[in-house]
Amino acid sequence: MFGLKKIYLFCSLCILFVLPVSAQVIGNEWINYNQFYYKFPITQTGIYRITPATLANSGVNFANVDPRNFQVFGRGQELPIFVKGENDLDGVFNGSDFIEFYAQRNDGWLDTLIYDSPSHHTNPYYSLFTDTAFYFLTWNTSFTNLRMAVSVSDTDTSTYIPEPFFLQDRVEYFSSKYYQGETDAAKVTDPEYTDGEGWMSSSFGAGSSKTIALKTTNIYTNGPAAELKTTVSAWTKDFAVLENNHTKVSLDATLLFDSSYNGYKTFHHQFLLPTGVLNSTTSNLKIESIDIQGAI
């Protein structure tokens, strides 16, 4: 959270209408109520393995389950899984068999739905509530459940033509402080989740700045332009001065954004950067709060 100037962290009428009922997507359509689901928590993103011993120690009765029948669900969808031993066609999950899959911890992926506008979602990388996501292991009678495709069996790569580059996301997000979003002159916040609300960095005042070191190692200089996305929130208690905030965003010597404005503002920027402006090791993103004389 990047603040400007002095920073402050900061009987109804019910009418009933009869409306026609229509089918709506509510997120639990994946559940088959004829199946059992074993729930387990995921707190770190990565590749996970479930073995017969894991299930046995957890009290799961899988004695009569054909490995081809296994399914794993997360984030409301069936996940592609790899099941070692299912191609043995012995109908038994035992010995050195296992289930492997990729799972993600909880972040802000679902929080967009509770904001007054999806565009006001501040931090998609950090959940408003918890970092724990729950996944579900189940099985049915189908032999066509979602599986990882194992398509590369050729170990001789001498004839392969190497790609000159690949694209990679490098993310720096902050979650040290929670902000309630915009306040009015009476310091009242909107009861809805709104613009600028969420987990961000610590704030700083007018005349100060914050520098974020972005790792930009192994840049392929002949590749396409890099895409930089930033979210900056700023506000002041001064509601009298027309322009009482002034923000600058730059990457090393390249000025990306320079604007003055009044009151509270959240900026979601997206910049395309030629690879030539990126340093070979670290590029420094700087956010400045320019002091405006007369504004409080």
C-alpha atoms as a PDB file:
ATOM      1  CA  MET A   1       0.000   0.000   0.000  1.00  0.00           C
ATOM      2  CA  PHE A   2       1.595   3.267  -1.018  1.00  0.00           C
ATOM      3  CA  GLY A   3       0.143   6.291   0.744  1.00  0.00           C
ATOM      4  CA  LEU A   4       0.479   9.966  -0.008  1.00  0.00           C
ATOM      5  CA  LYS A   5       0.593  12.933   2.351  1.00  0.00           C
ATOM      6  CA  LYS A   6      -0.279  12.065   5.937  1.00  0.00           C
ATOM      7  CA  ILE A   7      -1.467   8.496   5.900  1.00  0.00           C
ATOM      8  CA  TYR A   8      -4.330   7.106   7.933  1.00  0.00           C
ATOM      9  CA  LEU A   9      -4.612   3.344   7.963  1.00  0.00           C
ATOM     10  CA  PHE A  10      -7.518   2.997   8.719  1.00  0.00           C
ATOM     11  CA  CYS A  11     -33.529   1.172  10.525  1.00  0.00           C
ATOM     12  CA  SER A  12     -33.433  -0.394   7.034  1.00  0.00           C
ATOM     13  CA  LEU A  13     -36.477  -1.073   4.879  1.00  0.00           C
ATOM     14  CA  CYS A  14     -36.827  -4.624   3.573  1.00  0.00           C
ATOM     15  CA  ILE A  15     -39.106  -5.198   0.577  1.00  0.00           C
ATOM     16  CA  LEU A  16     -39.767  -8.755  -0.586  1.00  0.00           C
ATOM     17  CA  PHE A  17     -40.295  -9.546  -4.240  1.00  0.00           C
ATOM     18  CA  VAL A  18     -41.402 -12.817  -5.773  1.00  0.00           C
ATOM     19  CA  LEU A  19     -39.076 -13.527  -8.710  1.00  0.00           C
ATOM     20  CA  PRO A  20     -38.916 -16.407 -11.187  1.00  0.00           C
ATOM     21  CA  VAL A  21     -36.327 -19.075 -10.374  1.00  0.00           C
ATOM     22  CA  SER A  22     -33.621 -19.774 -12.945  1.00  0.00           C
ATOM     23  CA  ALA A  23     -30.611 -22.090 -12.956  1.00  0.00           C
ATOM     24  CA  GLN A  24     -27.449 -20.439 -11.674  1.00  0.00           C
ATOM     25  CA  VAL A  25     -23.854 -21.589 -11.403  1.00  0.00           C
ATOM     26  CA  ILE A  26     -22.953 -21.590  -7.696  1.00  0.00           C
ATOM     27  CA  GLY A  27     -19.643 -23.484  -7.777  1.00  0.00           C
ATOM     28  CA  ASN A  28     -20.506 -26.902  -6.330  1.00  0.00           C
ATOM     29  CA  GLU A  29     -21.816 -28.477  -9.507  1.00  0.00           C
ATOM     30  CA  TRP A  30     -18.807 -30.822  -9.552  1.00  0.00           C
ATOM     31  CA  ILE A  31     -20.068 -32.752  -6.511  1.00  0.00           C
ATOM     32  CA  ASN A  32     -21.593 -36.178  -7.159  1.00  0.00           C
ATOM     33  CA  TYR A  33     -23.623 -36.979  -4.064  1.00  0.00           C
ATOM     34  CA  ASN A  34     -23.384 -40.701  -4.781  1.00  0.00           C
ATOM     35  CA  GLN A  35     -19.630 -40.640  -4.096  1.00  0.00           C
ATOM     36  CA  PHE A  36     -17.507 -40.313  -0.953  1.00  0.00           C
ATOM     37  CA  TYR A  37     -15.006 -37.423  -0.796  1.00  0.00           C
ATOM     38  CA  TYR A  38     -11.908 -37.357   1.386  1.00  0.00           C
ATOM     39  CA  LYS A  39     -10.936 -33.781   2.200  1.00  0.00           C
ATOM     40  CA  PHE A  40      -7.326 -32.680   2.740  1.00  0.00           C
ATOM     41  CA  PRO A  41      -5.653 -29.245   3.122  1.00  0.00           C
ATOM     42  CA  ILE A  42      -3.067 -27.685   0.804  1.00  0.00           C
ATOM     43  CA  THR A  43      -1.031 -24.749   2.139  1.00  0.00           C
ATOM     44  CA  GLN A  44       1.829 -24.656  -0.380  1.00  0.00           C
ATOM     45  CA  THR A  45       1.701 -24.774  -4.160  1.00  0.00           C
ATOM     46  CA  GLY A  46       3.510 -27.780  -5.604  1.00  0.00           C
ATOM     47  CA  ILE A  47       3.364 -31.394  -6.767  1.00  0.00           C
ATOM     48  CA  TYR A  48       1.791 -33.828  -4.317  1.00  0.00           C
ATOM     49  CA  ARG A  49       1.858 -37.614  -4.035  1.00  0.00           C
ATOM     50  CA  ILE A  50      -0.706 -39.869  -2.363  1.00  0.00           C
ATOM     51  CA  THR A  51       0.435 -43.436  -1.665  1.00  0.00           C
ATOM     52  CA  PRO A  52      -1.519 -46.493  -0.491  1.00  0.00           C
ATOM     53  CA  ALA A  53       0.179 -46.088   2.899  1.00  0.00           C
ATOM     54  CA  THR A  54      -1.039 -42.483   3.117  1.00  0.00           C
ATOM     55  CA  LEU A  55      -4.621 -43.576   2.519  1.00  0.00           C
ATOM     56  CA  ALA A  56      -4.376 -46.518   4.904  1.00  0.00           C
ATOM     57  CA  ASN A  57      -2.943 -44.335   7.675  1.00  0.00           C
ATOM     58  CA  SER A  58      -5.788 -41.852   7.123  1.00  0.00           C
ATOM     59  CA  GLY A  59      -8.428 -44.535   7.495  1.00  0.00           C
ATOM     60  CA  VAL A  60      -9.524 -44.481   3.852  1.00  0.00           C
ATOM     61  CA  ASN A  61     -11.021 -47.780   2.702  1.00  0.00           C
ATOM     62  CA  PHE A  62      -9.791 -48.239  -0.856  1.00  0.00           C
ATOM     63  CA  ALA A  63      -9.500 -52.022  -0.898  1.00  0.00           C
ATOM     64  CA  ASN A  64     -12.021 -52.447  -3.711  1.00  0.00           C
ATOM     65  CA  VAL A  65     -11.062 -49.354  -5.730  1.00  0.00           C
ATOM     66  CA  ASP A  66      -9.608 -49.755  -9.212  1.00  0.00           C
ATOM     67  CA  PRO A  67      -6.841 -47.118  -9.606  1.00  0.00           C
ATOM     68  CA  ARG A  68      -8.448 -46.003 -12.870  1.00  0.00           C
ATOM     69  CA  ASN A  69     -11.469 -44.818 -10.866  1.00  0.00           C
ATOM     70  CA  PHE A  70      -9.590 -42.203  -8.797  1.00  0.00           C
ATOM     71  CA  GLN A  71     -10.422 -38.511  -9.113  1.00  0.00           C
ATOM     72  CA  VAL A  72      -9.032 -35.405  -7.390  1.00  0.00           C
ATOM     73  CA  PHE A  73     -10.933 -32.110  -7.221  1.00  0.00           C
ATOM     74  CA  GLY A  74      -9.735 -28.641  -6.274  1.00  0.00           C
ATOM     75  CA  ARG A  75     -10.983 -25.093  -6.835  1.00  0.00           C
ATOM     76  CA  GLY A  76     -14.269 -26.521  -8.071  1.00  0.00           C
ATOM     77  CA  GLN A  77     -12.731 -28.553 -10.899  1.00  0.00           C
ATOM     78  CA  GLU A  78     -11.457 -32.051 -11.521  1.00  0.00           C
ATOM     79  CA  LEU A  79      -7.654 -32.077 -11.707  1.00  0.00           C
ATOM     80  CA  PRO A  80      -5.620 -34.109 -14.190  1.00  0.00           C
ATOM     81  CA  ILE A  81      -3.712 -36.702 -12.155  1.00  0.00           C
ATOM     82  CA  PHE A  82      -1.048 -39.313 -12.783  1.00  0.00           C
ATOM     83  CA  VAL A  83      -1.785 -42.713 -11.259  1.00  0.00           C
ATOM     84  CA  LYS A  84       1.161 -45.097 -11.232  1.00  0.00           C
ATOM     85  CA  GLY A  85       0.006 -48.687 -11.455  1.00  0.00           C
ATOM     86  CA  GLU A  86      -3.337 -48.123 -13.141  1.00  0.00           C
ATOM     87  CA  ASN A  87      -1.959 -49.465 -16.430  1.00  0.00           C
ATOM     88  CA  ASP A  88      -1.161 -52.776 -14.747  1.00  0.00           C
ATOM     89  CA  LEU A  89      -4.901 -53.467 -15.087  1.00  0.00           C
ATOM     90  CA  ASP A  90      -4.858 -55.537 -11.917  1.00  0.00           C
ATOM     91  CA  GLY A  91      -7.601 -53.367 -10.382  1.00  0.00           C
ATOM     92  CA  VAL A  92      -5.593 -52.886  -7.189  1.00  0.00           C
ATOM     93  CA  PHE A  93      -3.979 -49.781  -5.666  1.00  0.00           C
ATOM     94  CA  ASN A  94      -1.091 -51.122  -3.586  1.00  0.00           C
ATOM     95  CA  GLY A  95       2.664 -51.607  -3.289  1.00  0.00           C
ATOM     96  CA  SER A  96       4.604 -48.884  -5.129  1.00  0.00           C
ATOM     97  CA  ASP A  97       1.499 -47.369  -6.738  1.00  0.00           C
ATOM     98  CA  PHE A  98       0.749 -43.691  -6.145  1.00  0.00           C
ATOM     99  CA  ILE A  99      -1.338 -40.695  -7.262  1.00  0.00           C
ATOM    100  CA  GLU A 100       0.460 -37.492  -8.279  1.00  0.00           C
ATOM    101  CA  PHE A 101      -1.028 -34.088  -9.083  1.00  0.00           C
ATOM    102  CA  TYR A 102      -0.305 -30.361  -9.050  1.00  0.00           C
ATOM    103  CA  ALA A 103      -2.145 -28.361  -6.372  1.00  0.00           C
ATOM    104  CA  GLN A 104      -2.195 -24.669  -5.465  1.00  0.00           C
ATOM    105  CA  ARG A 105      -2.489 -23.064  -2.076  1.00  0.00           C
ATOM    106  CA  ASN A 106      -5.339 -20.626  -1.647  1.00  0.00           C
ATOM    107  CA  ASP A 107      -4.685 -17.136  -2.985  1.00  0.00           C
ATOM    108  CA  GLY A 108      -7.056 -14.383  -4.087  1.00  0.00           C
ATOM    109  CA  TRP A 109      -8.494 -16.334  -7.032  1.00  0.00           C
ATOM    110  CA  LEU A 110     -12.042 -16.409  -5.590  1.00  0.00           C
ATOM    111  CA  ASP A 111     -12.031 -13.112  -3.706  1.00  0.00           C
ATOM    112  CA  THR A 112     -12.934 -11.176  -6.846  1.00  0.00           C
ATOM    113  CA  LEU A 113     -16.527 -12.353  -6.404  1.00  0.00           C
ATOM    114  CA  ILE A 114     -17.050 -10.439  -3.155  1.00  0.00           C
ATOM    115  CA  TYR A 115     -15.836  -7.034  -4.395  1.00  0.00           C
ATOM    116  CA  ASP A 116     -18.299  -4.411  -5.588  1.00  0.00           C
ATOM    117  CA  SER A 117     -16.440  -4.560  -8.912  1.00  0.00           C
ATOM    118  CA  PRO A 118     -13.951  -7.229 -10.073  1.00  0.00           C
ATOM    119  CA  SER A 119     -11.600  -4.430 -11.159  1.00  0.00           C
ATOM    120  CA  HIS A 120     -11.285  -3.329  -7.512  1.00  0.00           C
ATOM    121  CA  HIS A 121      -9.667  -6.593  -6.452  1.00  0.00           C
ATOM    122  CA  THR A 122      -6.339  -5.393  -5.083  1.00  0.00           C
ATOM    123  CA  ASN A 123      -4.142  -8.448  -4.495  1.00  0.00           C
ATOM    124  CA  PRO A 124      -4.898 -11.603  -6.524  1.00  0.00           C
ATOM    125  CA  TYR A 125      -1.877 -13.385  -5.016  1.00  0.00           C
ATOM    126  CA  TYR A 126      -2.979 -13.303  -1.368  1.00  0.00           C
ATOM    127  CA  SER A 127      -6.315 -14.383   0.057  1.00  0.00           C
ATOM    128  CA  LEU A 128      -8.333 -12.029   2.220  1.00  0.00           C
ATOM    129  CA  PHE A 129      -9.055 -14.889   4.615  1.00  0.00           C
ATOM    130  CA  THR A 130      -6.775 -17.957   4.512  1.00  0.00           C
ATOM    131  CA  ASP A 131      -3.876 -19.537   2.624  1.00  0.00           C
ATOM    132  CA  THR A 132      -5.371 -23.033   3.032  1.00  0.00           C
ATOM    133  CA  ALA A 133      -7.172 -24.632   0.089  1.00  0.00           C
ATOM    134  CA  PHE A 134      -9.062 -27.889   0.493  1.00  0.00           C
ATOM    135  CA  TYR A 135      -8.822 -30.627  -2.114  1.00  0.00           C
ATOM    136  CA  PHE A 136     -10.878 -33.784  -2.404  1.00  0.00           C
ATOM    137  CA  LEU A 137     -10.004 -37.370  -3.311  1.00  0.00           C
ATOM    138  CA  THR A 138     -12.841 -39.569  -4.569  1.00  0.00           C
ATOM    139  CA  TRP A 139     -13.540 -42.400  -7.012  1.00  0.00           C
ATOM    140  CA  ASN A 140     -16.307 -43.496  -9.359  1.00  0.00           C
ATOM    141  CA  THR A 141     -16.860 -46.408 -11.743  1.00  0.00           C
ATOM    142  CA  SER A 142     -15.452 -44.714 -14.838  1.00  0.00           C
ATOM    143  CA  PHE A 143     -12.206 -45.654 -16.602  1.00  0.00           C
ATOM    144  CA  THR A 144     -12.016 -42.311 -18.447  1.00  0.00           C
ATOM    145  CA  ASN A 145     -11.293 -39.907 -15.586  1.00  0.00           C
ATOM    146  CA  LEU A 146      -9.014 -36.925 -16.100  1.00  0.00           C
ATOM    147  CA  ARG A 147      -5.359 -37.956 -16.350  1.00  0.00           C
ATOM    148  CA  MET A 148      -1.997 -36.368 -17.068  1.00  0.00           C
ATOM    149  CA  ALA A 149      -0.893 -37.072 -20.634  1.00  0.00           C
ATOM    150  CA  VAL A 150       2.397 -38.988 -20.779  1.00  0.00           C
ATOM    151  CA  SER A 151       3.356 -38.359 -24.389  1.00  0.00           C
ATOM    152  CA  VAL A 152       7.159 -37.990 -24.493  1.00  0.00           C
ATOM    153  CA  SER A 153       8.983 -41.317 -24.444  1.00  0.00           C
ATOM    154  CA  ASP A 154      11.920 -40.475 -26.710  1.00  0.00           C
ATOM    155  CA  THR A 155      15.102 -40.048 -24.654  1.00  0.00           C
ATOM    156  CA  ASP A 156      17.277 -39.134 -27.650  1.00  0.00           C
ATOM    157  CA  THR A 157      17.097 -35.332 -27.788  1.00  0.00           C
ATOM    158  CA  SER A 158      20.091 -34.805 -30.095  1.00  0.00           C
ATOM    159  CA  THR A 159      17.840 -33.975 -33.071  1.00  0.00           C
ATOM    160  CA  TYR A 160      15.661 -31.529 -31.149  1.00  0.00           C
ATOM    161  CA  ILE A 161      15.943 -27.851 -32.080  1.00  0.00           C
ATOM    162  CA  PRO A 162      16.266 -25.767 -28.887  1.00  0.00           C
ATOM    163  CA  GLU A 163      13.898 -22.848 -28.359  1.00  0.00           C
ATOM    164  CA  PRO A 164      15.744 -19.511 -28.052  1.00  0.00           C
ATOM    165  CA  PHE A 165      13.678 -18.346 -25.049  1.00  0.00           C
ATOM    166  CA  PHE A 166      10.686 -19.025 -22.822  1.00  0.00           C
ATOM    167  CA  LEU A 167       8.349 -16.762 -20.870  1.00  0.00           C
ATOM    168  CA  GLN A 168       8.397 -16.647 -17.079  1.00  0.00           C
ATOM    169  CA  ASP A 169       6.294 -14.842 -14.452  1.00  0.00           C
ATOM    170  CA  ARG A 170       8.159 -13.284 -11.561  1.00  0.00           C
ATOM    171  CA  VAL A 171       5.839 -11.950  -8.880  1.00  0.00           C
ATOM    172  CA  GLU A 172       6.474  -9.688  -5.900  1.00  0.00           C
ATOM    173  CA  TYR A 173       3.397  -9.231  -3.731  1.00  0.00           C
ATOM    174  CA  PHE A 174       2.973  -7.802  -0.244  1.00  0.00           C
ATOM    175  CA  SER A 175       0.729  -8.810   2.634  1.00  0.00           C
ATOM    176  CA  SER A 176       2.108  -7.107   5.746  1.00  0.00           C
ATOM    177  CA  LYS A 177      -0.886  -4.825   6.347  1.00  0.00           C
ATOM    178  CA  TYR A 178      -4.628  -4.891   5.739  1.00  0.00           C
ATOM    179  CA  TYR A 179      -6.366  -1.776   4.456  1.00  0.00           C
ATOM    180  CA  GLN A 180     -10.101  -1.078   4.622  1.00  0.00           C
ATOM    181  CA  GLY A 181     -10.262   0.837   1.366  1.00  0.00           C
ATOM    182  CA  GLU A 182     -11.404   4.389   0.739  1.00  0.00           C
ATOM    183  CA  THR A 183     -12.622   6.500   3.661  1.00  0.00           C
ATOM    184  CA  ASP A 184     -14.597   9.739   3.561  1.00  0.00           C
ATOM    185  CA  ALA A 185     -13.999  12.924   5.565  1.00  0.00           C
ATOM    186  CA  ALA A 186     -15.629  11.283   8.603  1.00  0.00           C
ATOM    187  CA  LYS A 187     -13.262   8.272   8.281  1.00  0.00           C
ATOM    188  CA  VAL A 188     -16.172   6.011   7.328  1.00  0.00           C
ATOM    189  CA  THR A 189     -15.425   3.116   4.973  1.00  0.00           C
ATOM    190  CA  ASP A 190     -17.708   1.403   2.513  1.00  0.00           C
ATOM    191  CA  PRO A 191     -19.190  -1.802   4.028  1.00  0.00           C
ATOM    192  CA  GLU A 192     -18.599  -3.541   0.694  1.00  0.00           C
ATOM    193  CA  TYR A 193     -15.206  -4.808  -0.404  1.00  0.00           C
ATOM    194  CA  THR A 194     -14.193  -1.938  -2.628  1.00  0.00           C
ATOM    195  CA  ASP A 195     -11.347  -0.115  -4.325  1.00  0.00           C
ATOM    196  CA  GLY A 196      -8.025  -0.383  -2.501  1.00  0.00           C
ATOM    197  CA  GLU A 197      -9.196  -2.829   0.150  1.00  0.00           C
ATOM    198  CA  GLY A 198      -7.054  -5.832   0.922  1.00  0.00           C
ATOM    199  CA  TRP A 199      -3.592  -6.985   1.978  1.00  0.00           C
ATOM    200  CA  MET A 200      -0.712  -4.809   0.765  1.00  0.00           C
ATOM    201  CA  SER A 201       2.645  -3.427   1.912  1.00  0.00           C
ATOM    202  CA  SER A 202       3.283  -0.913   4.666  1.00  0.00           C
ATOM    203  CA  SER A 203       2.504   2.686   3.724  1.00  0.00           C
ATOM    204  CA  PHE A 204       4.769   5.710   3.460  1.00  0.00           C
ATOM    205  CA  GLY A 205       4.175   9.458   3.449  1.00  0.00           C
ATOM    206  CA  ALA A 206       4.753  12.459   1.222  1.00  0.00           C
ATOM    207  CA  GLY A 207       8.329  13.037   0.140  1.00  0.00           C
ATOM    208  CA  SER A 208       9.142   9.353   0.592  1.00  0.00           C
ATOM    209  CA  SER A 209       9.466   6.433  -1.788  1.00  0.00           C
ATOM    210  CA  LYS A 210       9.573   2.659  -1.894  1.00  0.00           C
ATOM    211  CA  THR A 211      11.938   0.650  -4.094  1.00  0.00           C
ATOM    212  CA  ILE A 212      11.243  -2.957  -5.065  1.00  0.00           C
ATOM    213  CA  ALA A 213      14.103  -5.030  -6.455  1.00  0.00           C
ATOM    214  CA  LEU A 214      12.797  -7.187  -9.299  1.00  0.00           C
ATOM    215  CA  LYS A 215      14.906 -10.165 -10.362  1.00  0.00           C
ATOM    216  CA  THR A 216      15.568  -9.845 -14.087  1.00  0.00           C
ATOM    217  CA  THR A 217      18.360 -12.366 -14.547  1.00  0.00           C
ATOM    218  CA  ASN A 218      18.886 -14.300 -17.790  1.00  0.00           C
ATOM    219  CA  ILE A 219      17.061 -11.785 -19.972  1.00  0.00           C
ATOM    220  CA  TYR A 220      16.857 -12.801 -23.630  1.00  0.00           C
ATOM    221  CA  THR A 221      17.486  -9.439 -25.286  1.00  0.00           C
ATOM    222  CA  ASN A 222      16.068 -10.485 -28.676  1.00  0.00           C
ATOM    223  CA  GLY A 223      12.786 -11.627 -27.170  1.00  0.00           C
ATOM    224  CA  PRO A 224       9.419  -9.837 -27.047  1.00  0.00           C
ATOM    225  CA  ALA A 225       8.740  -6.909 -24.735  1.00  0.00           C
ATOM    226  CA  ALA A 226       8.363  -7.696 -21.053  1.00  0.00           C
ATOM    227  CA  GLU A 227       5.018  -6.977 -19.389  1.00  0.00           C
ATOM    228  CA  LEU A 228       5.080  -5.216 -16.022  1.00  0.00           C
ATOM    229  CA  LYS A 229       1.912  -5.002 -13.922  1.00  0.00           C
ATOM    230  CA  THR A 230       1.706  -2.875 -10.782  1.00  0.00           C
ATOM    231  CA  THR A 231      -0.987  -1.909  -8.291  1.00  0.00           C
ATOM    232  CA  VAL A 232      -0.478   1.278  -6.275  1.00  0.00           C
ATOM    233  CA  SER A 233      -2.997   2.724  -3.798  1.00  0.00           C
ATOM    234  CA  ALA A 234      -2.725   6.221  -2.323  1.00  0.00           C
ATOM    235  CA  TRP A 235      -4.862   8.544  -0.248  1.00  0.00           C
ATOM    236  CA  THR A 236      -4.894  11.628   1.999  1.00  0.00           C
ATOM    237  CA  LYS A 237      -7.116  13.094   4.711  1.00  0.00           C
ATOM    238  CA  ASP A 238      -7.108  16.462   2.903  1.00  0.00           C
ATOM    239  CA  PHE A 239     -10.466  16.893   1.131  1.00  0.00           C
ATOM    240  CA  ALA A 240     -10.054  20.625   0.405  1.00  0.00           C
ATOM    241  CA  VAL A 241      -7.071  20.897  -1.946  1.00  0.00           C
ATOM    242  CA  LEU A 242      -7.952  20.057  -5.544  1.00  0.00           C
ATOM    243  CA  GLU A 243      -4.770  18.143  -6.333  1.00  0.00           C
ATOM    244  CA  ASN A 244      -3.244  16.832  -3.118  1.00  0.00           C
ATOM    245  CA  ASN A 245      -1.549  13.654  -4.333  1.00  0.00           C
ATOM    246  CA  HIS A 246       1.308  13.223  -6.767  1.00  0.00           C
ATOM    247  CA  THR A 247       2.660   9.790  -7.674  1.00  0.00           C
ATOM    248  CA  LYS A 248       5.553   8.685  -9.829  1.00  0.00           C
ATOM    249  CA  VAL A 249       6.424   5.146 -10.883  1.00  0.00           C
ATOM    250  CA  SER A 250       9.737   4.383 -12.575  1.00  0.00           C
ATOM    251  CA  LEU A 251      11.901   1.411 -13.442  1.00  0.00           C
ATOM    252  CA  ASP A 252      15.507   2.434 -12.927  1.00  0.00           C
ATOM    253  CA  ALA A 253      15.958   5.453 -15.229  1.00  0.00           C
ATOM    254  CA  THR A 254      12.701   4.904 -17.173  1.00  0.00           C
ATOM    255  CA  LEU A 255       9.722   6.962 -15.969  1.00  0.00           C
ATOM    256  CA  LEU A 256       6.544   4.878 -16.359  1.00  0.00           C
ATOM    257  CA  PHE A 257       3.853   6.966 -14.659  1.00  0.00           C
ATOM    258  CA  ASP A 258       3.526  10.551 -13.363  1.00  0.00           C
ATOM    259  CA  SER A 259       0.170  11.885 -12.191  1.00  0.00           C
ATOM    260  CA  SER A 260      -1.448  14.326  -9.742  1.00  0.00           C
ATOM    261  CA  TYR A 261      -4.957  13.768  -8.434  1.00  0.00           C
ATOM    262  CA  ASN A 262      -7.263  14.407  -5.507  1.00  0.00           C
ATOM    263  CA  GLY A 263      -8.161  12.249  -2.529  1.00  0.00           C
ATOM    264  CA  TYR A 264      -8.045   8.490  -2.842  1.00  0.00           C
ATOM    265  CA  LYS A 265      -6.928   6.578  -5.917  1.00  0.00           C
ATOM    266  CA  THR A 266      -5.862   3.055  -6.843  1.00  0.00           C
ATOM    267  CA  PHE A 267      -3.903   2.525 -10.038  1.00  0.00           C
ATOM    268  CA  HIS A 268      -3.661  -0.812 -11.837  1.00  0.00           C
ATOM    269  CA  HIS A 269      -0.892  -0.303 -14.373  1.00  0.00           C
ATOM    270  CA  GLN A 270       0.282  -2.459 -17.232  1.00  0.00           C
ATOM    271  CA  PHE A 271       3.471  -1.471 -19.024  1.00  0.00           C
ATOM    272  CA  LEU A 272       5.220  -3.057 -22.007  1.00  0.00           C
ATOM    273  CA  LEU A 273       8.985  -2.762 -21.577  1.00  0.00           C
ATOM    274  CA  PRO A 274      11.594  -3.370 -24.288  1.00  0.00           C
ATOM    275  CA  THR A 275      14.095  -5.896 -22.965  1.00  0.00           C
ATOM    276  CA  GLY A 276      16.825  -3.287 -23.375  1.00  0.00           C
ATOM    277  CA  VAL A 277      15.555  -1.307 -20.353  1.00  0.00           C
ATOM    278  CA  LEU A 278      15.922  -4.320 -18.035  1.00  0.00           C
ATOM    279  CA  ASN A 279      19.150  -4.932 -16.160  1.00  0.00           C
ATOM    280  CA  SER A 280      20.912  -8.269 -16.412  1.00  0.00           C
ATOM    281  CA  THR A 281      20.502  -9.065 -12.692  1.00  0.00           C
ATOM    282  CA  THR A 282      18.062  -6.748 -10.875  1.00  0.00           C
ATOM    283  CA  SER A 283      15.766  -3.965 -12.051  1.00  0.00           C
ATOM    284  CA  ASN A 284      14.537  -1.492  -9.442  1.00  0.00           C
ATOM    285  CA  LEU A 285      10.888  -0.442  -9.437  1.00  0.00           C
ATOM    286  CA  LYS A 286      10.484   2.853  -7.572  1.00  0.00           C
ATOM    287  CA  ILE A 287       7.211   4.355  -6.334  1.00  0.00           C
ATOM    288  CA  GLU A 288       7.432   7.982  -5.191  1.00  0.00           C
ATOM    289  CA  SER A 289       5.034  10.162  -3.215  1.00  0.00           C
ATOM    290  CA  ILE A 290       5.876  13.705  -4.290  1.00  0.00           C
ATOM    291  CA  ASP A 291       5.331  16.335  -1.595  1.00  0.00           C
ATOM    292  CA  ILE A 292       2.762  19.008  -2.541  1.00  0.00           C
ATOM    293  CA  GLN A 293       3.067  22.209  -0.539  1.00  0.00           C
ATOM    294  CA  GLY A 294      -0.188  23.264   1.113  1.00  0.00           C
ATOM    295  CA  ALA A 295      -1.779  19.819   1.037  1.00  0.00           C
ATOM    296  CA  ILE A 296      -2.177  17.940   4.304  1.00  0.00           C
END
